[in-house]
Amino acid sequence: MRKRSSRARAALAVVAAAVLGVAGCDTGDGSPAPEGSKARAARPAPLWNRSPESIAAVGDSITRGFDACTVLSDCPEVSWATGSDSEVDSLAVRLLGAAGAAERSWNYAVTGARMADLPEQMSQAAERDPALVTVMVGANDACRSSARAMTSVADFRADFEEALHTLRAASPKTQVYVASVPNLKRLWSEGRTNPLGREVWKLGICPSMLSDADDLTGAATVRRDRVQQRVVEYNKVLQEVCAKDRRCRFDGNAVYDYRFGTDQLSRWDWFHPSKDGQARLAAIAYRTITAADPVA
């Protein structure tokens, strides 16, 4: 009997030790650990950091603040992504504070850039190893000399994929925020109400959409609808390619859906965002990046 009792006690001790080990009840100093503490410790950090500590911006004239301050000129200080202007309250300022934005944000966007230019910009941005890269590009792929000259959807996709691959090769953990291409037809609809805007457009701003602004004939309508459809297709590409990258967030067409009014358009060309328009873009980006979950 004594022998059997000893064996039973030994077996119980082994079982108890195993149970305690699985439950993570040993804190290291012999005291019981809070229930589930080991599970919490083993939980991986979330893939998406809602408070990135540095930002690089790539893209086109919108991210350069073109025509927001003076005519036909870049004004990066009002950029929605990295600007310092207090009226805009850029994404960088919202996330990093004014001092942090000055030290840890960089703008590699180029006025006139198209998607084909993005891989090179991404290469430059990756050299900084930023926590976040913002992307806003595509309007110039649709804004060509004619609807026939627009970038094909296949080329647009290939160039965007190459840009992301370029970033990932050099900076695999950098997060990416992708803004949708704006609704160009709405910009035409709003801007054409201003006589000066229509005259400025004749200088060659987005001719595929804006040329002959008052022409409402069937042919002109078909041309504008064709450009608009291409923008929709570009945004679908941005969404699909971004969805394949776990550290990429698309804005869910928030920029495309935003109803820019004349107050949000440049008083120099009634097409690019004004300071107020830049502030709206910054707010959209901030909401997307700091949301608990990506836009569905």
C-alpha atoms as a PDB file:
ATOM      1  CA  MET A   1       0.000   0.000   0.000  1.00  0.00           C
ATOM      2  CA  ARG A   2       2.794   2.353   0.938  1.00  0.00           C
ATOM      3  CA  LYS A   3       4.533   1.663  -2.376  1.00  0.00           C
ATOM      4  CA  ARG A   4       1.330   2.325  -4.366  1.00  0.00           C
ATOM      5  CA  SER A   5       0.701   5.610  -2.475  1.00  0.00           C
ATOM      6  CA  SER A   6       4.205   6.822  -3.235  1.00  0.00           C
ATOM      7  CA  ARG A   7       3.756   6.083  -6.920  1.00  0.00           C
ATOM      8  CA  ALA A   8       0.387   7.857  -6.967  1.00  0.00           C
ATOM      9  CA  ARG A   9       1.832  10.938  -5.276  1.00  0.00           C
ATOM     10  CA  ALA A  10       4.723  11.021  -7.759  1.00  0.00           C
ATOM     11  CA  ALA A  11       2.354  10.716 -10.710  1.00  0.00           C
ATOM     12  CA  LEU A  12       0.174  13.526  -9.359  1.00  0.00           C
ATOM     13  CA  ALA A  13       3.223  15.729  -8.925  1.00  0.00           C
ATOM     14  CA  VAL A  14       4.262  15.176 -12.550  1.00  0.00           C
ATOM     15  CA  VAL A  15       0.765  15.942 -13.808  1.00  0.00           C
ATOM     16  CA  ALA A  16       0.536  19.079 -11.655  1.00  0.00           C
ATOM     17  CA  ALA A  17       3.899  20.329 -12.897  1.00  0.00           C
ATOM     18  CA  ALA A  18       2.844  19.766 -16.481  1.00  0.00           C
ATOM     19  CA  VAL A  19      -0.446  21.585 -15.986  1.00  0.00           C
ATOM     20  CA  LEU A  20       1.246  24.523 -14.287  1.00  0.00           C
ATOM     21  CA  GLY A  21       3.808  24.717 -17.068  1.00  0.00           C
ATOM     22  CA  VAL A  22       1.162  24.756 -19.808  1.00  0.00           C
ATOM     23  CA  ALA A  23      -0.911  27.326 -17.956  1.00  0.00           C
ATOM     24  CA  GLY A  24       2.142  29.574 -17.532  1.00  0.00           C
ATOM     25  CA  CYS A  25       1.644  29.843 -13.774  1.00  0.00           C
ATOM     26  CA  ASP A  26       5.310  30.225 -12.873  1.00  0.00           C
ATOM     27  CA  THR A  27       6.408  33.858 -12.993  1.00  0.00           C
ATOM     28  CA  GLY A  28      10.080  33.022 -12.482  1.00  0.00           C
ATOM     29  CA  ASP A  29      10.168  33.899  -8.816  1.00  0.00           C
ATOM     30  CA  GLY A  30       7.962  31.053  -7.683  1.00  0.00           C
ATOM     31  CA  SER A  31       4.804  33.175  -7.312  1.00  0.00           C
ATOM     32  CA  PRO A  32       1.684  32.468  -9.371  1.00  0.00           C
ATOM     33  CA  ALA A  33       1.480  34.447 -12.623  1.00  0.00           C
ATOM     34  CA  PRO A  34      -1.712  36.210 -13.704  1.00  0.00           C
ATOM     35  CA  GLU A  35      -3.884  33.968 -15.826  1.00  0.00           C
ATOM     36  CA  GLY A  36      -3.072  34.271 -19.541  1.00  0.00           C
ATOM     37  CA  SER A  37       0.112  36.328 -19.031  1.00  0.00           C
ATOM     38  CA  LYS A  38       2.232  33.942 -21.081  1.00  0.00           C
ATOM     39  CA  ALA A  39      -0.309  34.020 -23.917  1.00  0.00           C
ATOM     40  CA  ARG A  40      -0.174  37.808 -23.915  1.00  0.00           C
ATOM     41  CA  ALA A  41       3.624  37.814 -23.959  1.00  0.00           C
ATOM     42  CA  ALA A  42       3.680  35.459 -26.922  1.00  0.00           C
ATOM     43  CA  ARG A  43       1.221  37.512 -28.928  1.00  0.00           C
ATOM     44  CA  PRO A  44       3.010  39.044 -31.969  1.00  0.00           C
ATOM     45  CA  ALA A  45       3.098  42.794 -32.423  1.00  0.00           C
ATOM     46  CA  PRO A  46       0.428  44.059 -34.823  1.00  0.00           C
ATOM     47  CA  LEU A  47       1.565  44.356 -38.440  1.00  0.00           C
ATOM     48  CA  TRP A  48       0.126  47.866 -38.771  1.00  0.00           C
ATOM     49  CA  ASN A  49       1.566  50.550 -36.503  1.00  0.00           C
ATOM     50  CA  ARG A  50      -0.964  53.363 -36.141  1.00  0.00           C
ATOM     51  CA  SER A  51       1.744  55.750 -34.867  1.00  0.00           C
ATOM     52  CA  PRO A  52       4.611  55.561 -37.374  1.00  0.00           C
ATOM     53  CA  GLU A  53       7.677  57.560 -36.363  1.00  0.00           C
ATOM     54  CA  SER A  54       8.878  58.717 -39.796  1.00  0.00           C
ATOM     55  CA  ILE A  55       7.249  59.437 -43.158  1.00  0.00           C
ATOM     56  CA  ALA A  56       8.389  59.625 -46.773  1.00  0.00           C
ATOM     57  CA  ALA A  57       5.997  60.901 -49.445  1.00  0.00           C
ATOM     58  CA  VAL A  58       6.022  59.940 -53.123  1.00  0.00           C
ATOM     59  CA  GLY A  59       3.736  60.985 -55.937  1.00  0.00           C
ATOM     60  CA  ASP A  60       2.928  63.959 -58.141  1.00  0.00           C
ATOM     61  CA  SER A  61       2.034  67.659 -58.064  1.00  0.00           C
ATOM     62  CA  ILE A  62      -0.706  67.250 -55.461  1.00  0.00           C
ATOM     63  CA  THR A  63       1.830  66.070 -52.883  1.00  0.00           C
ATOM     64  CA  ARG A  64       4.136  68.940 -53.905  1.00  0.00           C
ATOM     65  CA  GLY A  65       1.409  71.499 -53.144  1.00  0.00           C
ATOM     66  CA  PHE A  66       1.457  72.733 -56.758  1.00  0.00           C
ATOM     67  CA  ASP A  67      -0.516  75.951 -57.362  1.00  0.00           C
ATOM     68  CA  ALA A  68      -1.626  76.141 -53.750  1.00  0.00           C
ATOM     69  CA  CYS A  69       0.463  79.241 -52.925  1.00  0.00           C
ATOM     70  CA  THR A  70       1.511  80.912 -56.187  1.00  0.00           C
ATOM     71  CA  VAL A  71       0.741  80.331 -59.838  1.00  0.00           C
ATOM     72  CA  LEU A  72       2.419  77.393 -61.597  1.00  0.00           C
ATOM     73  CA  SER A  73       4.749  76.692 -58.666  1.00  0.00           C
ATOM     74  CA  ASP A  74       5.315  73.950 -56.124  1.00  0.00           C
ATOM     75  CA  CYS A  75       4.595  74.814 -52.495  1.00  0.00           C
ATOM     76  CA  PRO A  76       5.736  71.798 -50.444  1.00  0.00           C
ATOM     77  CA  GLU A  77       5.183  73.592 -47.157  1.00  0.00           C
ATOM     78  CA  VAL A  78       1.414  73.096 -47.683  1.00  0.00           C
ATOM     79  CA  SER A  79       1.690  69.459 -48.791  1.00  0.00           C
ATOM     80  CA  TRP A  80      -0.988  67.262 -47.222  1.00  0.00           C
ATOM     81  CA  ALA A  81       1.684  64.631 -46.537  1.00  0.00           C
ATOM     82  CA  THR A  82       4.740  66.451 -45.181  1.00  0.00           C
ATOM     83  CA  GLY A  83       3.965  70.180 -45.109  1.00  0.00           C
ATOM     84  CA  SER A  84       4.676  72.501 -42.185  1.00  0.00           C
ATOM     85  CA  ASP A  85       1.852  75.033 -42.714  1.00  0.00           C
ATOM     86  CA  SER A  86      -0.367  75.172 -39.624  1.00  0.00           C
ATOM     87  CA  GLU A  87      -3.510  75.752 -41.717  1.00  0.00           C
ATOM     88  CA  VAL A  88      -2.992  72.421 -43.449  1.00  0.00           C
ATOM     89  CA  ASP A  89      -2.001  70.373 -40.380  1.00  0.00           C
ATOM     90  CA  SER A  90      -0.299  67.823 -42.584  1.00  0.00           C
ATOM     91  CA  LEU A  91      -0.199  64.097 -41.964  1.00  0.00           C
ATOM     92  CA  ALA A  92       3.408  64.374 -40.767  1.00  0.00           C
ATOM     93  CA  VAL A  93       2.535  67.097 -38.255  1.00  0.00           C
ATOM     94  CA  ARG A  94      -0.480  65.146 -36.999  1.00  0.00           C
ATOM     95  CA  LEU A  95       1.561  61.997 -36.467  1.00  0.00           C
ATOM     96  CA  LEU A  96       4.987  63.347 -35.487  1.00  0.00           C
ATOM     97  CA  GLY A  97       4.350  66.861 -34.175  1.00  0.00           C
ATOM     98  CA  ALA A  98       5.837  69.958 -35.803  1.00  0.00           C
ATOM     99  CA  ALA A  99       9.395  69.282 -34.636  1.00  0.00           C
ATOM    100  CA  GLY A 100       9.214  65.602 -35.542  1.00  0.00           C
ATOM    101  CA  ALA A 101       7.813  66.387 -38.977  1.00  0.00           C
ATOM    102  CA  ALA A 102      10.721  68.735 -39.676  1.00  0.00           C
ATOM    103  CA  GLU A 103      13.250  66.063 -38.721  1.00  0.00           C
ATOM    104  CA  ARG A 104      11.633  62.797 -39.829  1.00  0.00           C
ATOM    105  CA  SER A 105       9.546  63.438 -42.951  1.00  0.00           C
ATOM    106  CA  TRP A 106      10.747  63.669 -46.555  1.00  0.00           C
ATOM    107  CA  ASN A 107       8.959  64.595 -49.786  1.00  0.00           C
ATOM    108  CA  TYR A 108      10.133  62.818 -52.953  1.00  0.00           C
ATOM    109  CA  ALA A 109       7.062  63.603 -55.054  1.00  0.00           C
ATOM    110  CA  VAL A 110       7.628  65.342 -58.395  1.00  0.00           C
ATOM    111  CA  THR A 111       5.193  67.581 -60.239  1.00  0.00           C
ATOM    112  CA  GLY A 112       4.125  65.893 -63.465  1.00  0.00           C
ATOM    113  CA  ALA A 113       5.058  62.400 -62.262  1.00  0.00           C
ATOM    114  CA  ARG A 114       3.153  59.361 -63.509  1.00  0.00           C
ATOM    115  CA  MET A 115       3.011  55.824 -62.205  1.00  0.00           C
ATOM    116  CA  ALA A 116       6.026  54.910 -64.359  1.00  0.00           C
ATOM    117  CA  ASP A 117       8.077  57.328 -62.207  1.00  0.00           C
ATOM    118  CA  LEU A 118       7.061  55.734 -58.918  1.00  0.00           C
ATOM    119  CA  PRO A 119       9.699  52.953 -58.742  1.00  0.00           C
ATOM    120  CA  GLU A 120      12.509  55.536 -58.800  1.00  0.00           C
ATOM    121  CA  GLN A 121      10.782  57.655 -56.158  1.00  0.00           C
ATOM    122  CA  MET A 122      10.274  54.556 -54.013  1.00  0.00           C
ATOM    123  CA  SER A 123      13.969  53.766 -54.323  1.00  0.00           C
ATOM    124  CA  GLN A 124      14.828  57.234 -53.029  1.00  0.00           C
ATOM    125  CA  ALA A 125      12.310  56.958 -50.184  1.00  0.00           C
ATOM    126  CA  ALA A 126      13.584  53.514 -49.176  1.00  0.00           C
ATOM    127  CA  GLU A 127      17.052  54.945 -48.529  1.00  0.00           C
ATOM    128  CA  ARG A 128      15.551  56.687 -45.490  1.00  0.00           C
ATOM    129  CA  ASP A 129      14.047  53.398 -44.229  1.00  0.00           C
ATOM    130  CA  PRO A 130      10.869  55.272 -43.221  1.00  0.00           C
ATOM    131  CA  ALA A 131       8.196  53.753 -41.007  1.00  0.00           C
ATOM    132  CA  LEU A 132       5.554  54.915 -43.517  1.00  0.00           C
ATOM    133  CA  VAL A 133       5.477  55.831 -47.195  1.00  0.00           C
ATOM    134  CA  THR A 134       2.513  57.769 -48.583  1.00  0.00           C
ATOM    135  CA  VAL A 135       1.543  57.306 -52.232  1.00  0.00           C
ATOM    136  CA  MET A 136      -0.643  59.631 -54.288  1.00  0.00           C
ATOM    137  CA  VAL A 137      -0.170  59.209 -58.022  1.00  0.00           C
ATOM    138  CA  GLY A 138      -2.241  58.440 -61.105  1.00  0.00           C
ATOM    139  CA  ALA A 139      -3.914  61.698 -62.059  1.00  0.00           C
ATOM    140  CA  ASN A 140      -1.226  62.456 -64.643  1.00  0.00           C
ATOM    141  CA  ASP A 141      -1.684  58.995 -66.175  1.00  0.00           C
ATOM    142  CA  ALA A 142      -5.241  60.041 -67.021  1.00  0.00           C
ATOM    143  CA  CYS A 143      -4.443  63.719 -67.649  1.00  0.00           C
ATOM    144  CA  ARG A 144      -2.792  63.321 -71.040  1.00  0.00           C
ATOM    145  CA  SER A 145      -2.902  65.222 -74.325  1.00  0.00           C
ATOM    146  CA  SER A 146      -5.874  63.077 -75.325  1.00  0.00           C
ATOM    147  CA  ALA A 147      -7.898  60.169 -73.965  1.00  0.00           C
ATOM    148  CA  ARG A 148      -6.036  57.928 -76.414  1.00  0.00           C
ATOM    149  CA  ALA A 149      -2.703  58.820 -74.784  1.00  0.00           C
ATOM    150  CA  MET A 150      -3.688  57.722 -71.256  1.00  0.00           C
ATOM    151  CA  THR A 151      -1.535  55.082 -69.532  1.00  0.00           C
ATOM    152  CA  SER A 152      -2.963  51.620 -70.088  1.00  0.00           C
ATOM    153  CA  VAL A 153      -4.380  49.808 -67.074  1.00  0.00           C
ATOM    154  CA  ALA A 154      -1.901  46.953 -67.590  1.00  0.00           C
ATOM    155  CA  ASP A 155       1.103  49.315 -67.569  1.00  0.00           C
ATOM    156  CA  PHE A 156      -0.296  51.168 -64.565  1.00  0.00           C
ATOM    157  CA  ARG A 157      -0.548  47.884 -62.657  1.00  0.00           C
ATOM    158  CA  ALA A 158       2.923  46.685 -63.668  1.00  0.00           C
ATOM    159  CA  ASP A 159       4.547  49.974 -62.620  1.00  0.00           C
ATOM    160  CA  PHE A 160       2.744  50.043 -59.271  1.00  0.00           C
ATOM    161  CA  GLU A 161       3.760  46.447 -58.552  1.00  0.00           C
ATOM    162  CA  GLU A 162       7.350  47.289 -59.440  1.00  0.00           C
ATOM    163  CA  ALA A 163       7.281  50.292 -57.108  1.00  0.00           C
ATOM    164  CA  LEU A 164       6.109  48.177 -54.171  1.00  0.00           C
ATOM    165  CA  HIS A 165       8.663  45.468 -54.961  1.00  0.00           C
ATOM    166  CA  THR A 166      11.380  48.139 -55.039  1.00  0.00           C
ATOM    167  CA  LEU A 167      10.360  49.334 -51.591  1.00  0.00           C
ATOM    168  CA  ARG A 168      10.035  45.846 -50.148  1.00  0.00           C
ATOM    169  CA  ALA A 169      13.473  44.768 -51.399  1.00  0.00           C
ATOM    170  CA  ALA A 170      15.106  47.610 -49.491  1.00  0.00           C
ATOM    171  CA  SER A 171      12.703  48.203 -46.605  1.00  0.00           C
ATOM    172  CA  PRO A 172      10.497  45.158 -45.965  1.00  0.00           C
ATOM    173  CA  LYS A 173       8.710  46.499 -42.869  1.00  0.00           C
ATOM    174  CA  THR A 174       7.840  49.970 -44.131  1.00  0.00           C
ATOM    175  CA  GLN A 175       4.094  50.628 -44.140  1.00  0.00           C
ATOM    176  CA  VAL A 176       2.405  52.102 -47.205  1.00  0.00           C
ATOM    177  CA  TYR A 177      -0.615  54.388 -47.385  1.00  0.00           C
ATOM    178  CA  VAL A 178      -2.140  54.584 -50.865  1.00  0.00           C
ATOM    179  CA  ALA A 179      -4.520  57.423 -51.737  1.00  0.00           C
ATOM    180  CA  SER A 180      -7.033  56.957 -54.529  1.00  0.00           C
ATOM    181  CA  VAL A 181      -6.870  59.053 -57.698  1.00  0.00           C
ATOM    182  CA  PRO A 182      -9.234  62.061 -57.402  1.00  0.00           C
ATOM    183  CA  ASN A 183     -12.490  62.272 -59.329  1.00  0.00           C
ATOM    184  CA  LEU A 184     -11.281  64.306 -62.312  1.00  0.00           C
ATOM    185  CA  LYS A 185     -14.733  64.738 -63.770  1.00  0.00           C
ATOM    186  CA  ARG A 186     -15.940  66.364 -60.574  1.00  0.00           C
ATOM    187  CA  LEU A 187     -12.959  68.734 -60.672  1.00  0.00           C
ATOM    188  CA  TRP A 188     -13.997  69.677 -64.233  1.00  0.00           C
ATOM    189  CA  SER A 189     -17.598  70.185 -63.113  1.00  0.00           C
ATOM    190  CA  GLU A 190     -16.593  72.477 -60.232  1.00  0.00           C
ATOM    191  CA  GLY A 191     -13.801  74.412 -61.948  1.00  0.00           C
ATOM    192  CA  ARG A 192     -15.667  75.195 -65.152  1.00  0.00           C
ATOM    193  CA  THR A 193     -17.947  77.548 -63.229  1.00  0.00           C
ATOM    194  CA  ASN A 194     -15.038  79.996 -62.938  1.00  0.00           C
ATOM    195  CA  PRO A 195     -14.235  82.012 -66.111  1.00  0.00           C
ATOM    196  CA  LEU A 196     -10.592  82.504 -65.099  1.00  0.00           C
ATOM    197  CA  GLY A 197     -10.248  78.810 -64.400  1.00  0.00           C
ATOM    198  CA  ARG A 198     -11.457  77.950 -67.886  1.00  0.00           C
ATOM    199  CA  GLU A 199      -8.867  80.320 -69.367  1.00  0.00           C
ATOM    200  CA  VAL A 200      -6.051  78.798 -67.310  1.00  0.00           C
ATOM    201  CA  TRP A 201      -7.085  75.338 -68.435  1.00  0.00           C
ATOM    202  CA  LYS A 202      -6.375  76.397 -72.010  1.00  0.00           C
ATOM    203  CA  LEU A 203      -2.676  76.502 -71.068  1.00  0.00           C
ATOM    204  CA  GLY A 204      -2.746  72.696 -71.112  1.00  0.00           C
ATOM    205  CA  ILE A 205      -3.864  71.507 -67.675  1.00  0.00           C
ATOM    206  CA  CYS A 206      -5.269  67.977 -67.965  1.00  0.00           C
ATOM    207  CA  PRO A 207      -6.426  68.382 -71.578  1.00  0.00           C
ATOM    208  CA  SER A 208      -7.942  64.904 -71.819  1.00  0.00           C
ATOM    209  CA  MET A 209     -10.560  66.026 -69.279  1.00  0.00           C
ATOM    210  CA  LEU A 210     -10.477  69.834 -69.257  1.00  0.00           C
ATOM    211  CA  SER A 211     -10.023  70.923 -72.874  1.00  0.00           C
ATOM    212  CA  ASP A 212     -13.065  72.687 -74.383  1.00  0.00           C
ATOM    213  CA  ALA A 213     -14.535  72.915 -70.906  1.00  0.00           C
ATOM    214  CA  ASP A 214     -17.867  74.316 -72.094  1.00  0.00           C
ATOM    215  CA  ASP A 215     -18.304  71.743 -74.859  1.00  0.00           C
ATOM    216  CA  LEU A 216     -21.243  69.576 -73.811  1.00  0.00           C
ATOM    217  CA  THR A 217     -21.699  67.787 -77.107  1.00  0.00           C
ATOM    218  CA  GLY A 218     -21.901  64.021 -77.279  1.00  0.00           C
ATOM    219  CA  ALA A 219     -18.284  63.603 -78.383  1.00  0.00           C
ATOM    220  CA  ALA A 220     -16.936  65.713 -75.516  1.00  0.00           C
ATOM    221  CA  THR A 221     -19.097  63.862 -73.012  1.00  0.00           C
ATOM    222  CA  VAL A 222     -17.874  60.506 -74.296  1.00  0.00           C
ATOM    223  CA  ARG A 223     -14.255  61.703 -73.998  1.00  0.00           C
ATOM    224  CA  ARG A 224     -14.701  62.824 -70.403  1.00  0.00           C
ATOM    225  CA  ASP A 225     -16.522  59.628 -69.480  1.00  0.00           C
ATOM    226  CA  ARG A 226     -13.680  57.617 -70.967  1.00  0.00           C
ATOM    227  CA  VAL A 227     -11.135  59.477 -68.840  1.00  0.00           C
ATOM    228  CA  GLN A 228     -13.312  59.050 -65.772  1.00  0.00           C
ATOM    229  CA  GLN A 229     -13.645  55.320 -66.378  1.00  0.00           C
ATOM    230  CA  ARG A 230      -9.886  55.009 -66.626  1.00  0.00           C
ATOM    231  CA  VAL A 231      -9.543  56.702 -63.231  1.00  0.00           C
ATOM    232  CA  VAL A 232     -11.993  54.170 -61.783  1.00  0.00           C
ATOM    233  CA  GLU A 233      -9.883  51.370 -63.278  1.00  0.00           C
ATOM    234  CA  TYR A 234      -6.685  52.869 -61.850  1.00  0.00           C
ATOM    235  CA  ASN A 235      -8.231  52.959 -58.389  1.00  0.00           C
ATOM    236  CA  LYS A 236      -9.242  49.321 -58.699  1.00  0.00           C
ATOM    237  CA  VAL A 237      -5.604  48.479 -59.488  1.00  0.00           C
ATOM    238  CA  LEU A 238      -4.382  50.453 -56.467  1.00  0.00           C
ATOM    239  CA  GLN A 239      -6.814  48.599 -54.230  1.00  0.00           C
ATOM    240  CA  GLU A 240      -6.018  45.138 -55.611  1.00  0.00           C
ATOM    241  CA  VAL A 241      -2.231  45.490 -55.557  1.00  0.00           C
ATOM    242  CA  CYS A 242      -2.220  47.079 -52.107  1.00  0.00           C
ATOM    243  CA  ALA A 243      -4.447  44.273 -50.742  1.00  0.00           C
ATOM    244  CA  LYS A 244      -1.707  41.727 -51.543  1.00  0.00           C
ATOM    245  CA  ASP A 245       0.733  43.502 -49.216  1.00  0.00           C
ATOM    246  CA  ARG A 246       0.034  43.055 -45.501  1.00  0.00           C
ATOM    247  CA  ARG A 247       1.673  46.389 -44.688  1.00  0.00           C
ATOM    248  CA  CYS A 248      -0.286  48.437 -47.235  1.00  0.00           C
ATOM    249  CA  ARG A 249      -3.524  50.379 -46.697  1.00  0.00           C
ATOM    250  CA  PHE A 250      -5.667  51.816 -49.486  1.00  0.00           C
ATOM    251  CA  ASP A 251      -7.986  54.684 -48.592  1.00  0.00           C
ATOM    252  CA  GLY A 252     -11.098  52.854 -49.794  1.00  0.00           C
ATOM    253  CA  ASN A 253     -11.631  55.484 -52.513  1.00  0.00           C
ATOM    254  CA  ALA A 254     -11.993  58.230 -49.887  1.00  0.00           C
ATOM    255  CA  VAL A 255     -10.067  60.785 -51.973  1.00  0.00           C
ATOM    256  CA  TYR A 256     -11.976  59.814 -55.125  1.00  0.00           C
ATOM    257  CA  ASP A 257     -15.299  60.138 -53.279  1.00  0.00           C
ATOM    258  CA  TYR A 258     -14.463  63.451 -51.591  1.00  0.00           C
ATOM    259  CA  ARG A 259     -16.626  66.207 -53.064  1.00  0.00           C
ATOM    260  CA  PHE A 260     -14.087  68.962 -53.691  1.00  0.00           C
ATOM    261  CA  GLY A 261     -15.771  72.349 -53.937  1.00  0.00           C
ATOM    262  CA  THR A 262     -14.321  75.611 -55.189  1.00  0.00           C
ATOM    263  CA  ASP A 263     -12.975  76.396 -51.699  1.00  0.00           C
ATOM    264  CA  GLN A 264     -10.835  73.277 -51.910  1.00  0.00           C
ATOM    265  CA  LEU A 265      -9.450  74.142 -55.373  1.00  0.00           C
ATOM    266  CA  SER A 266      -6.505  76.364 -56.255  1.00  0.00           C
ATOM    267  CA  ARG A 267      -7.504  79.921 -57.140  1.00  0.00           C
ATOM    268  CA  TRP A 268      -4.735  79.782 -59.723  1.00  0.00           C
ATOM    269  CA  ASP A 269      -5.970  76.852 -61.776  1.00  0.00           C
ATOM    270  CA  TRP A 270      -9.254  75.593 -60.220  1.00  0.00           C
ATOM    271  CA  PHE A 271      -7.975  72.038 -60.468  1.00  0.00           C
ATOM    272  CA  HIS A 272      -5.190  71.345 -57.959  1.00  0.00           C
ATOM    273  CA  PRO A 273      -6.046  71.431 -54.225  1.00  0.00           C
ATOM    274  CA  SER A 274      -5.893  74.735 -52.385  1.00  0.00           C
ATOM    275  CA  LYS A 275      -4.593  74.923 -48.823  1.00  0.00           C
ATOM    276  CA  ASP A 276      -8.044  73.935 -47.665  1.00  0.00           C
ATOM    277  CA  GLY A 277      -8.078  71.031 -50.123  1.00  0.00           C
ATOM    278  CA  GLN A 278      -4.664  69.912 -48.892  1.00  0.00           C
ATOM    279  CA  ALA A 279      -5.985  69.955 -45.316  1.00  0.00           C
ATOM    280  CA  ARG A 280      -8.887  67.686 -46.348  1.00  0.00           C
ATOM    281  CA  LEU A 281      -6.435  65.224 -47.941  1.00  0.00           C
ATOM    282  CA  ALA A 282      -4.356  65.222 -44.746  1.00  0.00           C
ATOM    283  CA  ALA A 283      -7.458  64.438 -42.675  1.00  0.00           C
ATOM    284  CA  ILE A 284      -8.431  61.534 -44.956  1.00  0.00           C
ATOM    285  CA  ALA A 285      -4.928  60.057 -44.745  1.00  0.00           C
ATOM    286  CA  TYR A 286      -4.782  60.447 -40.967  1.00  0.00           C
ATOM    287  CA  ARG A 287      -8.131  58.691 -40.488  1.00  0.00           C
ATOM    288  CA  THR A 288      -7.063  55.797 -42.710  1.00  0.00           C
ATOM    289  CA  ILE A 289      -3.667  55.330 -41.086  1.00  0.00           C
ATOM    290  CA  THR A 290      -4.833  55.587 -37.476  1.00  0.00           C
ATOM    291  CA  ALA A 291      -7.966  53.449 -37.872  1.00  0.00           C
ATOM    292  CA  ALA A 292      -8.025  50.250 -35.836  1.00  0.00           C
ATOM    293  CA  ASP A 293      -8.828  48.260 -38.967  1.00  0.00           C
ATOM    294  CA  PRO A 294      -8.187  48.881 -42.671  1.00  0.00           C
ATOM    295  CA  VAL A 295     -11.029  50.191 -44.819  1.00  0.00           C
ATOM    296  CA  ALA A 296     -13.100  47.276 -46.069  1.00  0.00           C
END
